[in-house]
PDB file of N, CA and C in Angstrom:
ATOM      1  N   MET A   1     -56.146  47.991 -46.098  1.00  0.00           N
ATOM      2  CA  MET A   1     -55.720  47.456 -47.660  1.00  0.00           C
ATOM      3  C   MET A   1     -54.239  47.610 -47.195  1.00  0.00           C
ATOM      4  N   TRP A   2     -53.772  46.696 -48.462  1.00  0.00           N
ATOM      5  CA  TRP A   2     -52.294  46.503 -48.057  1.00  0.00           C
ATOM      6  C   TRP A   2     -51.723  47.615 -49.084  1.00  0.00           C
ATOM      7  N   LEU A   3     -50.856  48.097 -48.299  1.00  0.00           N
ATOM      8  CA  LEU A   3     -49.698  49.172 -48.750  1.00  0.00           C
ATOM      9  C   LEU A   3     -48.478  48.746 -49.298  1.00  0.00           C
ATOM     10  N   MET A   4     -47.869  49.022 -50.698  1.00  0.00           N
ATOM     11  CA  MET A   4     -46.759  48.534 -50.895  1.00  0.00           C
ATOM     12  C   MET A   4     -45.455  49.182 -50.131  1.00  0.00           C
ATOM     13  N   PRO A   5     -44.722  48.449 -49.607  1.00  0.00           N
ATOM     14  CA  PRO A   5     -43.552  48.895 -48.838  1.00  0.00           C
ATOM     15  C   PRO A   5     -42.814  49.910 -49.515  1.00  0.00           C
ATOM     16  N   PRO A   6     -42.850  51.216 -48.792  1.00  0.00           N
ATOM     17  CA  PRO A   6     -41.986  52.164 -49.762  1.00  0.00           C
ATOM     18  C   PRO A   6     -40.456  51.523 -50.693  1.00  0.00           C
ATOM     19  N   ALA A   7     -39.716  50.850 -50.504  1.00  0.00           N
ATOM     20  CA  ALA A   7     -38.668  50.570 -51.079  1.00  0.00           C
ATOM     21  C   ALA A   7     -39.046  49.505 -52.391  1.00  0.00           C
ATOM     22  N   LEU A   8     -40.105  48.729 -52.590  1.00  0.00           N
ATOM     23  CA  LEU A   8     -40.869  48.020 -53.627  1.00  0.00           C
ATOM     24  C   LEU A   8     -41.230  49.540 -54.365  1.00  0.00           C
ATOM     25  N   LEU A   9     -41.910  50.279 -53.724  1.00  0.00           N
ATOM     26  CA  LEU A   9     -42.593  51.273 -54.830  1.00  0.00           C
ATOM     27  C   LEU A   9     -41.674  51.991 -55.201  1.00  0.00           C
ATOM     28  N   MET A  10     -40.711  52.170 -54.629  1.00  0.00           N
ATOM     29  CA  MET A  10     -39.461  53.217 -55.326  1.00  0.00           C
ATOM     30  C   MET A  10     -38.818  52.210 -56.483  1.00  0.00           C
ATOM     31  N   MET A  11     -38.703  51.269 -56.169  1.00  0.00           N
ATOM     32  CA  MET A  11     -38.506  50.168 -57.332  1.00  0.00           C
ATOM     33  C   MET A  11     -39.087  50.492 -58.365  1.00  0.00           C
ATOM     34  N   ARG A  12     -40.372  50.220 -58.338  1.00  0.00           N
ATOM     35  CA  ARG A  12     -41.551  50.414 -59.523  1.00  0.00           C
ATOM     36  C   ARG A  12     -41.614  51.228 -59.956  1.00  0.00           C
ATOM     37  N   LEU A  13     -41.623  52.528 -59.245  1.00  0.00           N
ATOM     38  CA  LEU A  13     -41.481  53.797 -59.801  1.00  0.00           C
ATOM     39  C   LEU A  13     -40.247  53.797 -60.385  1.00  0.00           C
ATOM     40  N   ARG A  14     -39.033  53.284 -60.639  1.00  0.00           N
ATOM     41  CA  ARG A  14     -37.665  53.803 -61.110  1.00  0.00           C
ATOM     42  C   ARG A  14     -37.883  52.859 -62.164  1.00  0.00           C
ATOM     43  N   TRP A  15     -38.635  51.786 -62.633  1.00  0.00           N
ATOM     44  CA  TRP A  15     -38.836  50.977 -63.692  1.00  0.00           C
ATOM     45  C   TRP A  15     -39.763  51.461 -64.539  1.00  0.00           C
ATOM     46  N   LEU A  16     -40.616  52.248 -64.101  1.00  0.00           N
ATOM     47  CA  LEU A  16     -42.160  52.819 -64.867  1.00  0.00           C
ATOM     48  C   LEU A  16     -41.234  54.153 -65.677  1.00  0.00           C
ATOM     49  N   TRP A  17     -40.025  54.705 -64.759  1.00  0.00           N
ATOM     50  CA  TRP A  17     -39.555  56.205 -65.322  1.00  0.00           C
ATOM     51  C   TRP A  17     -38.878  54.930 -66.348  1.00  0.00           C
ATOM     52  N   SER A  18     -37.906  54.258 -66.135  1.00  0.00           N
ATOM     53  CA  SER A  18     -36.981  54.079 -67.135  1.00  0.00           C
ATOM     54  C   SER A  18     -37.748  53.261 -68.247  1.00  0.00           C
ATOM     55  N   THR A  19     -38.998  53.127 -68.370  1.00  0.00           N
ATOM     56  CA  THR A  19     -40.075  52.638 -69.571  1.00  0.00           C
ATOM     57  C   THR A  19     -40.492  53.172 -69.790  1.00  0.00           C
ATOM     58  N   SER A  20     -41.058  54.498 -69.393  1.00  0.00           N
ATOM     59  CA  SER A  20     -41.937  55.158 -70.207  1.00  0.00           C
ATOM     60  C   SER A  20     -41.545  55.990 -71.083  1.00  0.00           C
ATOM     61  N   TRP A  21     -43.445  56.565 -71.830  1.00  0.00           N
ATOM     62  CA  TRP A  21     -42.792  57.432 -72.910  1.00  0.00           C
ATOM     63  C   TRP A  21     -42.362  58.430 -72.731  1.00  0.00           C
ATOM     64  N   ALA A  22     -42.928  59.486 -71.571  1.00  0.00           N
ATOM     65  CA  ALA A  22     -42.354  60.144 -70.920  1.00  0.00           C
ATOM     66  C   ALA A  22     -40.409  60.647 -70.979  1.00  0.00           C
ATOM     67  N   ARG A  23     -39.761  59.175 -70.451  1.00  0.00           N
ATOM     68  CA  ARG A  23     -38.657  59.592 -70.588  1.00  0.00           C
ATOM     69  C   ARG A  23     -37.959  59.666 -71.971  1.00  0.00           C
ATOM     70  N   ARG A  24     -38.903  59.076 -72.839  1.00  0.00           N
ATOM     71  CA  ARG A  24     -38.236  59.263 -74.478  1.00  0.00           C
ATOM     72  C   ARG A  24     -38.649  60.425 -74.955  1.00  0.00           C
ATOM     73  N   GLU A  25     -39.446  61.102 -74.252  1.00  0.00           N
ATOM     74  CA  GLU A  25     -39.937  62.473 -74.489  1.00  0.00           C
ATOM     75  C   GLU A  25     -39.175  63.742 -73.926  1.00  0.00           C
ATOM     76  N   GLY A  26     -38.476  63.281 -72.831  1.00  0.00           N
ATOM     77  CA  GLY A  26     -37.891  64.378 -71.807  1.00  0.00           C
ATOM     78  C   GLY A  26     -38.386  64.897 -71.356  1.00  0.00           C
ATOM     79  N   LYS A  27     -39.822  64.359 -71.012  1.00  0.00           N
ATOM     80  CA  LYS A  27     -40.263  65.260 -70.116  1.00  0.00           C
ATOM     81  C   LYS A  27     -40.764  64.241 -68.676  1.00  0.00           C
ATOM     82  N   LYS A  28     -41.071  65.343 -67.644  1.00  0.00           N
ATOM     83  CA  LYS A  28     -41.100  64.768 -66.042  1.00  0.00           C
ATOM     84  C   LYS A  28     -42.679  64.034 -66.509  1.00  0.00           C
ATOM     85  N   LEU A  29     -42.775  63.244 -65.654  1.00  0.00           N
ATOM     86  CA  LEU A  29     -44.176  62.650 -65.223  1.00  0.00           C
ATOM     87  C   LEU A  29     -44.796  63.288 -63.882  1.00  0.00           C
ATOM     88  N   SER A  30     -46.025  63.365 -64.072  1.00  0.00           N
ATOM     89  CA  SER A  30     -46.679  64.044 -63.298  1.00  0.00           C
ATOM     90  C   SER A  30     -47.344  63.344 -62.747  1.00  0.00           C
ATOM     91  N   THR A  31     -47.872  63.761 -60.990  1.00  0.00           N
ATOM     92  CA  THR A  31     -48.246  62.398 -60.466  1.00  0.00           C
ATOM     93  C   THR A  31     -49.649  61.650 -61.066  1.00  0.00           C
ATOM     94  N   GLU A  32     -50.133  62.134 -61.421  1.00  0.00           N
ATOM     95  CA  GLU A  32     -51.468  60.902 -62.492  1.00  0.00           C
ATOM     96  C   GLU A  32     -50.577  60.260 -63.043  1.00  0.00           C
ATOM     97  N   ASP A  33     -49.496  60.626 -63.996  1.00  0.00           N
ATOM     98  CA  ASP A  33     -48.511  59.902 -65.174  1.00  0.00           C
ATOM     99  C   ASP A  33     -48.539  58.868 -64.083  1.00  0.00           C
ATOM    100  N   VAL A  34     -48.020  59.037 -63.427  1.00  0.00           N
ATOM    101  CA  VAL A  34     -47.264  58.155 -62.458  1.00  0.00           C
ATOM    102  C   VAL A  34     -47.813  56.812 -61.731  1.00  0.00           C
ATOM    103  N   LEU A  35     -49.308  57.524 -61.482  1.00  0.00           N
ATOM    104  CA  LEU A  35     -50.632  56.888 -60.709  1.00  0.00           C
ATOM    105  C   LEU A  35     -50.811  55.785 -61.622  1.00  0.00           C
ATOM    106  N   ILE A  36     -51.080  56.038 -63.241  1.00  0.00           N
ATOM    107  CA  ILE A  36     -51.822  55.579 -64.312  1.00  0.00           C
ATOM    108  C   ILE A  36     -50.738  54.436 -64.233  1.00  0.00           C
ATOM    109  N   LEU A  37     -49.646  55.034 -64.577  1.00  0.00           N
ATOM    110  CA  LEU A  37     -48.655  53.772 -64.975  1.00  0.00           C
ATOM    111  C   LEU A  37     -48.463  52.458 -64.079  1.00  0.00           C
ATOM    112  N   TYR A  38     -48.666  53.015 -62.862  1.00  0.00           N
ATOM    113  CA  TYR A  38     -48.279  52.399 -61.791  1.00  0.00           C
ATOM    114  C   TYR A  38     -49.707  51.246 -61.835  1.00  0.00           C
ATOM    115  N   LEU A  39     -50.836  51.642 -61.809  1.00  0.00           N
ATOM    116  CA  LEU A  39     -51.979  51.066 -61.677  1.00  0.00           C
ATOM    117  C   LEU A  39     -51.926  50.213 -63.006  1.00  0.00           C
ATOM    118  N   GLY A  40     -51.457  50.645 -64.262  1.00  0.00           N
ATOM    119  CA  GLY A  40     -51.265  49.255 -65.272  1.00  0.00           C
ATOM    120  C   GLY A  40     -50.520  48.695 -65.469  1.00  0.00           C
ATOM    121  N   THR A  41     -49.422  48.753 -64.211  1.00  0.00           N
ATOM    122  CA  THR A  41     -48.568  47.449 -63.587  1.00  0.00           C
ATOM    123  C   THR A  41     -49.712  46.322 -62.554  1.00  0.00           C
ATOM    124  N   ILE A  42     -50.552  47.020 -61.656  1.00  0.00           N
ATOM    125  CA  ILE A  42     -51.575  46.337 -60.918  1.00  0.00           C
ATOM    126  C   ILE A  42     -51.974  45.454 -61.984  1.00  0.00           C
ATOM    127  N   ALA A  43     -53.023  45.856 -62.780  1.00  0.00           N
ATOM    128  CA  ALA A  43     -53.874  45.250 -63.641  1.00  0.00           C
ATOM    129  C   ALA A  43     -53.255  43.874 -64.071  1.00  0.00           C
ATOM    130  N   GLY A  44     -51.533  44.376 -64.307  1.00  0.00           N
ATOM    131  CA  GLY A  44     -51.155  43.358 -65.244  1.00  0.00           C
ATOM    132  C   GLY A  44     -50.861  42.123 -63.955  1.00  0.00           C
ATOM    133  N   ASP A  45     -50.282  42.610 -62.748  1.00  0.00           N
ATOM    134  CA  ASP A  45     -50.334  41.654 -62.039  1.00  0.00           C
ATOM    135  C   ASP A  45     -52.352  40.860 -61.643  1.00  0.00           C
ATOM    136  N   LEU A  46     -52.997  41.419 -61.886  1.00  0.00           N
ATOM    137  CA  LEU A  46     -54.477  40.823 -61.128  1.00  0.00           C
ATOM    138  C   LEU A  46     -54.566  39.476 -62.623  1.00  0.00           C
ATOM    139  N   LYS A  47     -54.301  40.182 -63.647  1.00  0.00           N
ATOM    140  CA  LYS A  47     -54.305  39.689 -64.814  1.00  0.00           C
ATOM    141  C   LYS A  47     -53.683  37.867 -64.605  1.00  0.00           C
ATOM    142  N   GLU A  48     -51.946  38.293 -64.061  1.00  0.00           N
ATOM    143  CA  GLU A  48     -51.315  36.884 -64.001  1.00  0.00           C
ATOM    144  C   GLU A  48     -52.412  36.261 -62.912  1.00  0.00           C
ATOM    145  N   ILE A  49     -52.515  37.122 -62.026  1.00  0.00           N
ATOM    146  CA  ILE A  49     -53.248  36.125 -60.399  1.00  0.00           C
ATOM    147  C   ILE A  49     -54.638  35.447 -61.195  1.00  0.00           C
ATOM    148  N   ARG A  50     -55.335  35.777 -62.291  1.00  0.00           N
ATOM    149  CA  ARG A  50     -56.437  35.328 -62.399  1.00  0.00           C
ATOM    150  C   ARG A  50     -56.349  33.996 -63.097  1.00  0.00           C
ATOM    151  N   THR A  51     -54.854  34.283 -63.936  1.00  0.00           N
ATOM    152  CA  THR A  51     -54.807  32.890 -64.616  1.00  0.00           C
ATOM    153  C   THR A  51     -53.807  32.264 -63.375  1.00  0.00           C
ATOM    154  N   ASP A  52     -53.260  32.448 -62.799  1.00  0.00           N
ATOM    155  CA  ASP A  52     -53.050  31.389 -62.111  1.00  0.00           C
ATOM    156  C   ASP A  52     -54.212  30.875 -61.049  1.00  0.00           C
ATOM    157  N   ILE A  53     -55.282  31.258 -60.750  1.00  0.00           N
ATOM    158  CA  ILE A  53     -56.386  30.939 -60.207  1.00  0.00           C
ATOM    159  C   ILE A  53     -56.877  30.150 -60.635  1.00  0.00           C
ATOM    160  N   ALA A  54     -57.297  30.290 -62.216  1.00  0.00           N
ATOM    161  CA  ALA A  54     -58.213  29.474 -63.691  1.00  0.00           C
ATOM    162  C   ALA A  54     -57.590  27.962 -63.439  1.00  0.00           C
ATOM    163  N   ARG A  55     -55.682  28.192 -63.058  1.00  0.00           N
ATOM    164  CA  ARG A  55     -55.385  27.064 -63.443  1.00  0.00           C
ATOM    165  C   ARG A  55     -55.069  26.339 -62.260  1.00  0.00           C
ATOM    166  N   LEU A  56     -55.116  26.845 -61.043  1.00  0.00           N
ATOM    167  CA  LEU A  56     -55.744  26.026 -59.876  1.00  0.00           C
ATOM    168  C   LEU A  56     -57.028  25.632 -59.471  1.00  0.00           C
ATOM    169  N   ASP A  57     -57.801  26.252 -60.202  1.00  0.00           N
ATOM    170  CA  ASP A  57     -58.590  26.088 -60.554  1.00  0.00           C
ATOM    171  C   ASP A  57     -59.468  24.276 -61.391  1.00  0.00           C
ATOM    172  N   HIS A  58     -58.639  24.444 -62.431  1.00  0.00           N
ATOM    173  CA  HIS A  58     -58.969  23.620 -63.332  1.00  0.00           C
ATOM    174  C   HIS A  58     -57.978  22.261 -62.690  1.00  0.00           C
ATOM    175  N   ARG A  59     -56.942  22.117 -62.086  1.00  0.00           N
ATOM    176  CA  ARG A  59     -56.358  21.404 -61.215  1.00  0.00           C
ATOM    177  C   ARG A  59     -57.022  20.782 -60.077  1.00  0.00           C
ATOM    178  N   ILE A  60     -57.786  21.471 -59.294  1.00  0.00           N
ATOM    179  CA  ILE A  60     -58.870  21.133 -58.170  1.00  0.00           C
ATOM    180  C   ILE A  60     -59.926  20.408 -58.703  1.00  0.00           C
ATOM    181  N   ASP A  61     -60.307  20.966 -60.271  1.00  0.00           N
ATOM    182  CA  ASP A  61     -61.532  20.087 -60.494  1.00  0.00           C
ATOM    183  C   ASP A  61     -60.906  18.747 -61.142  1.00  0.00           C
ATOM    184  N   GLU A  62     -59.466  18.618 -61.618  1.00  0.00           N
ATOM    185  CA  GLU A  62     -59.017  17.410 -61.822  1.00  0.00           C
ATOM    186  C   GLU A  62     -58.990  16.398 -61.060  1.00  0.00           C
ATOM    187  N   THR A  63     -58.342  17.139 -59.420  1.00  0.00           N
ATOM    188  CA  THR A  63     -58.229  16.339 -58.837  1.00  0.00           C
ATOM    189  C   THR A  63     -59.602  15.875 -57.376  1.00  0.00           C
ATOM    190  N   ASN A  64     -60.105  16.639 -58.262  1.00  0.00           N
ATOM    191  CA  ASN A  64     -61.841  15.847 -57.674  1.00  0.00           C
ATOM    192  C   ASN A  64     -62.412  14.834 -58.125  1.00  0.00           C
ATOM    193  N   LYS A  65     -62.565  14.859 -59.435  1.00  0.00           N
ATOM    194  CA  LYS A  65     -62.836  13.476 -60.288  1.00  0.00           C
ATOM    195  C   LYS A  65     -61.809  12.408 -60.140  1.00  0.00           C
ATOM    196  N   ARG A  66     -61.033  12.420 -59.833  1.00  0.00           N
ATOM    197  CA  ARG A  66     -59.902  11.726 -58.864  1.00  0.00           C
ATOM    198  C   ARG A  66     -60.624  11.009 -58.100  1.00  0.00           C
ATOM    199  N   ILE A  67     -60.349  11.614 -56.819  1.00  0.00           N
ATOM    200  CA  ILE A  67     -61.226  11.502 -56.042  1.00  0.00           C
ATOM    201  C   ILE A  67     -62.358  10.349 -55.887  1.00  0.00           C
ATOM    202  N   ASP A  68     -63.366  11.260 -56.408  1.00  0.00           N
ATOM    203  CA  ASP A  68     -64.775  10.453 -57.262  1.00  0.00           C
ATOM    204  C   ASP A  68     -64.542   9.202 -57.865  1.00  0.00           C
ATOM    205  N   GLU A  69     -63.240   9.243 -59.128  1.00  0.00           N
ATOM    206  CA  GLU A  69     -63.672   7.617 -59.210  1.00  0.00           C
ATOM    207  C   GLU A  69     -62.916   6.617 -58.018  1.00  0.00           C
ATOM    208  N   ILE A  70     -62.137   7.591 -57.370  1.00  0.00           N
ATOM    209  CA  ILE A  70     -61.489   6.114 -55.853  1.00  0.00           C
ATOM    210  C   ILE A  70     -62.923   6.288 -55.418  1.00  0.00           C
ATOM    211  N   VAL A  71     -63.879   6.901 -54.545  1.00  0.00           N
ATOM    212  CA  VAL A  71     -64.791   6.826 -54.087  1.00  0.00           C
ATOM    213  C   VAL A  71     -65.487   6.049 -54.690  1.00  0.00           C
ATOM    214  N   LYS A  72     -65.842   5.940 -55.790  1.00  0.00           N
ATOM    215  CA  LYS A  72     -66.742   4.808 -56.495  1.00  0.00           C
ATOM    216  C   LYS A  72     -65.950   3.662 -56.725  1.00  0.00           C
ATOM    217  N   THR A  73     -64.635   3.615 -56.958  1.00  0.00           N
ATOM    218  CA  THR A  73     -63.829   2.551 -56.965  1.00  0.00           C
ATOM    219  C   THR A  73     -63.898   1.592 -55.307  1.00  0.00           C
ATOM    220  N   LEU A  74     -63.963   2.346 -54.348  1.00  0.00           N
ATOM    221  CA  LEU A  74     -63.825   2.130 -52.961  1.00  0.00           C
ATOM    222  C   LEU A  74     -65.456   1.397 -52.587  1.00  0.00           C
ATOM    223  N   SER A  75     -66.447   2.244 -53.238  1.00  0.00           N
ATOM    224  CA  SER A  75     -67.537   1.625 -52.481  1.00  0.00           C
ATOM    225  C   SER A  75     -67.966   0.365 -52.806  1.00  0.00           C
ATOM    226  N   ALA A  76     -67.565  -0.147 -54.843  1.00  0.00           N
ATOM    227  CA  ALA A  76     -67.746  -1.352 -55.189  1.00  0.00           C
ATOM    228  C   ALA A  76     -67.028  -3.000 -54.175  1.00  0.00           C
ATOM    229  N   ARG A  77     -65.834  -1.987 -53.813  1.00  0.00           N
ATOM    230  CA  ARG A  77     -65.147  -2.593 -53.151  1.00  0.00           C
ATOM    231  C   ARG A  77     -65.684  -3.112 -51.592  1.00  0.00           C
ATOM    232  N   ILE A  78     -66.052  -1.976 -51.391  1.00  0.00           N
ATOM    233  CA  ILE A  78     -67.152  -2.419 -49.968  1.00  0.00           C
ATOM    234  C   ILE A  78     -68.437  -3.146 -50.460  1.00  0.00           C
ATOM    235  N   ASP A  79     -69.160  -2.691 -51.017  1.00  0.00           N
ATOM    236  CA  ASP A  79     -70.601  -3.649 -51.533  1.00  0.00           C
ATOM    237  C   ASP A  79     -70.018  -5.108 -51.975  1.00  0.00           C
ATOM    238  N   GLU A  80     -68.958  -5.529 -52.533  1.00  0.00           N
ATOM    239  CA  GLU A  80     -68.635  -6.919 -52.965  1.00  0.00           C
ATOM    240  C   GLU A  80     -68.315  -7.345 -51.487  1.00  0.00           C
ATOM    241  N   THR A  81     -67.418  -6.744 -50.454  1.00  0.00           N
ATOM    242  CA  THR A  81     -67.393  -7.397 -49.263  1.00  0.00           C
ATOM    243  C   THR A  81     -68.358  -7.460 -48.509  1.00  0.00           C
ATOM    244  N   ASN A  82     -68.859  -6.835 -48.041  1.00  0.00           N
ATOM    245  CA  ASN A  82     -70.544  -6.989 -47.871  1.00  0.00           C
ATOM    246  C   ASN A  82     -71.021  -8.430 -48.377  1.00  0.00           C
ATOM    247  N   LYS A  83     -70.945  -8.286 -49.225  1.00  0.00           N
ATOM    248  CA  LYS A  83     -71.951  -9.233 -49.835  1.00  0.00           C
ATOM    249  C   LYS A  83     -71.268 -10.449 -49.399  1.00  0.00           C
ATOM    250  N   ARG A  84     -69.883 -10.596 -49.196  1.00  0.00           N
ATOM    251  CA  ARG A  84     -69.152 -11.552 -49.117  1.00  0.00           C
ATOM    252  C   ARG A  84     -69.351 -12.151 -47.480  1.00  0.00           C
ATOM    253  N   ILE A  85     -69.551 -11.441 -46.576  1.00  0.00           N
ATOM    254  CA  ILE A  85     -69.855 -11.243 -45.470  1.00  0.00           C
ATOM    255  C   ILE A  85     -70.902 -11.786 -45.100  1.00  0.00           C
ATOM    256  N   ASP A  86     -72.011 -11.622 -45.865  1.00  0.00           N
ATOM    257  CA  ASP A  86     -73.577 -11.665 -45.680  1.00  0.00           C
ATOM    258  C   ASP A  86     -73.519 -13.312 -46.266  1.00  0.00           C
ATOM    259  N   ALA A  87     -72.682 -13.874 -46.914  1.00  0.00           N
ATOM    260  CA  ALA A  87     -72.993 -15.149 -47.504  1.00  0.00           C
ATOM    261  C   ALA A  87     -71.971 -15.899 -46.358  1.00  0.00           C
ATOM    262  N   VAL A  88     -70.810 -15.598 -45.930  1.00  0.00           N
ATOM    263  CA  VAL A  88     -70.370 -16.395 -44.863  1.00  0.00           C
ATOM    264  C   VAL A  88     -71.327 -16.427 -43.682  1.00  0.00           C
ATOM    265  N   GLN A  89     -72.320 -15.149 -43.412  1.00  0.00           N
ATOM    266  CA  GLN A  89     -73.195 -15.316 -42.219  1.00  0.00           C
ATOM    267  C   GLN A  89     -74.214 -16.438 -42.040  1.00  0.00           C
ATOM    268  N   ALA A  90     -74.323 -16.141 -43.539  1.00  0.00           N
ATOM    269  CA  ALA A  90     -75.543 -17.318 -44.377  1.00  0.00           C
ATOM    270  C   ALA A  90     -75.554 -18.708 -44.063  1.00  0.00           C
ATOM    271  N   THR A  91     -73.768 -18.410 -44.157  1.00  0.00           N
ATOM    272  CA  THR A  91     -73.517 -20.083 -44.458  1.00  0.00           C
ATOM    273  C   THR A  91     -73.308 -20.885 -42.719  1.00  0.00           C
ATOM    274  N   LEU A  92     -72.908 -19.755 -41.699  1.00  0.00           N
ATOM    275  CA  LEU A  92     -72.742 -19.913 -40.533  1.00  0.00           C
ATOM    276  C   LEU A  92     -73.953 -20.584 -39.742  1.00  0.00           C
ATOM    277  N   LEU A  93     -74.993 -19.208 -40.027  1.00  0.00           N
ATOM    278  CA  LEU A  93     -76.456 -20.054 -39.643  1.00  0.00           C
ATOM    279  C   LEU A  93     -76.802 -21.425 -39.771  1.00  0.00           C
ATOM    280  N   GLU A  94     -76.631 -21.854 -41.845  1.00  0.00           N
ATOM    281  CA  GLU A  94     -77.119 -23.197 -41.957  1.00  0.00           C
ATOM    282  C   GLU A  94     -76.127 -24.034 -41.203  1.00  0.00           C
ATOM    283  N   ILE A  95     -74.870 -23.631 -40.903  1.00  0.00           N
ATOM    284  CA  ILE A  95     -74.076 -24.924 -40.043  1.00  0.00           C
ATOM    285  C   ILE A  95     -74.699 -24.800 -38.638  1.00  0.00           C
ATOM    286  N   GLN A  96     -75.006 -23.974 -38.105  1.00  0.00           N
ATOM    287  CA  GLN A  96     -75.933 -23.845 -36.643  1.00  0.00           C
ATOM    288  C   GLN A  96     -76.703 -24.238 -36.953  1.00  0.00           C
ATOM    289  N   LYS A  97     -77.775 -24.534 -37.994  1.00  0.00           N
ATOM    290  CA  LYS A  97     -78.988 -25.424 -37.545  1.00  0.00           C
ATOM    291  C   LYS A  97     -78.412 -26.436 -37.736  1.00  0.00           C
ATOM    292  N   LEU A  98     -77.770 -27.108 -38.625  1.00  0.00           N
ATOM    293  CA  LEU A  98     -77.299 -28.105 -38.717  1.00  0.00           C
ATOM    294  C   LEU A  98     -76.515 -29.385 -37.462  1.00  0.00           C
ATOM    295  N   LEU A  99     -76.154 -28.528 -36.994  1.00  0.00           N
ATOM    296  CA  LEU A  99     -75.610 -28.882 -35.629  1.00  0.00           C
ATOM    297  C   LEU A  99     -76.575 -29.311 -34.632  1.00  0.00           C
ATOM    298  N   LEU A 100     -77.050 -27.958 -34.598  1.00  0.00           N
ATOM    299  CA  LEU A 100     -78.593 -28.360 -33.597  1.00  0.00           C
ATOM    300  C   LEU A 100     -79.305 -29.318 -33.765  1.00  0.00           C
ATOM    301  N   GLU A 101     -79.561 -29.526 -35.103  1.00  0.00           N
ATOM    302  CA  GLU A 101     -80.495 -30.590 -35.514  1.00  0.00           C
ATOM    303  C   GLU A 101     -79.804 -31.921 -35.224  1.00  0.00           C
ATOM    304  N   LEU A 102     -78.535 -31.828 -35.261  1.00  0.00           N
ATOM    305  CA  LEU A 102     -77.016 -33.385 -35.099  1.00  0.00           C
ATOM    306  C   LEU A 102     -77.412 -33.664 -33.753  1.00  0.00           C
ATOM    307  N   VAL A 103     -77.372 -32.612 -32.923  1.00  0.00           N
ATOM    308  CA  VAL A 103     -77.101 -32.644 -31.369  1.00  0.00           C
ATOM    309  C   VAL A 103     -78.617 -33.203 -31.140  1.00  0.00           C
ATOM    310  N   LYS A 104     -80.193 -32.608 -31.552  1.00  0.00           N
ATOM    311  CA  LYS A 104     -81.160 -33.011 -31.182  1.00  0.00           C
ATOM    312  C   LYS A 104     -81.378 -34.711 -31.596  1.00  0.00           C
ATOM    313  N   THR A 105     -80.771 -35.161 -32.687  1.00  0.00           N
ATOM    314  CA  THR A 105     -81.053 -36.069 -33.201  1.00  0.00           C
ATOM    315  C   THR A 105     -80.427 -37.436 -32.228  1.00  0.00           C
ATOM    316  N   ARG A 106     -78.459 -37.143 -31.860  1.00  0.00           N
ATOM    317  CA  ARG A 106     -78.179 -37.960 -31.090  1.00  0.00           C
ATOM    318  C   ARG A 106     -78.549 -38.018 -29.225  1.00  0.00           C
ATOM    319  N   GLN A 107     -79.165 -36.620 -29.464  1.00  0.00           N
ATOM    320  CA  GLN A 107     -80.303 -36.777 -27.861  1.00  0.00           C
ATOM    321  C   GLN A 107     -81.236 -37.786 -27.965  1.00  0.00           C
ATOM    322  N   SER A 108     -82.106 -37.860 -29.310  1.00  0.00           N
ATOM    323  CA  SER A 108     -83.035 -38.509 -28.927  1.00  0.00           C
ATOM    324  C   SER A 108     -83.292 -39.816 -29.264  1.00  0.00           C
ATOM    325  N   THR A 109     -81.726 -39.891 -29.840  1.00  0.00           N
ATOM    326  CA  THR A 109     -81.747 -41.620 -29.894  1.00  0.00           C
ATOM    327  C   THR A 109     -80.881 -41.898 -28.973  1.00  0.00           C
ATOM    328  N   PRO A 110     -81.623 -43.450 -28.332  1.00  0.00           N
ATOM    329  CA  PRO A 110     -80.835 -43.966 -26.431  1.00  0.00           C
ATOM    330  C   PRO A 110     -79.519 -44.550 -26.753  1.00  0.00           C
TER     331      PRO A 110
END
């Protein structure tokens, strides 16, 4: 469990005292009052943290969407390149067949 450093705790308690209803009424704060006020500040901090997490989740979702779009684009380009490679390979095989036929015809003619 994380414990607040004593200096920070004292600073928070002074702030709580300066803004509390007890000070305005001239009363001393009980331990329970201080604990409730402190828990209230923790709840506020948690709300801010939750807001930050929601904002970060949104940014992560946007980034993931951009990554998905990039993957789709790259996949399409890779598929196109593969088709071109296949076409070049087919052309080379056709050239090879023609060259073999040419060599055979030259060898068979005296």
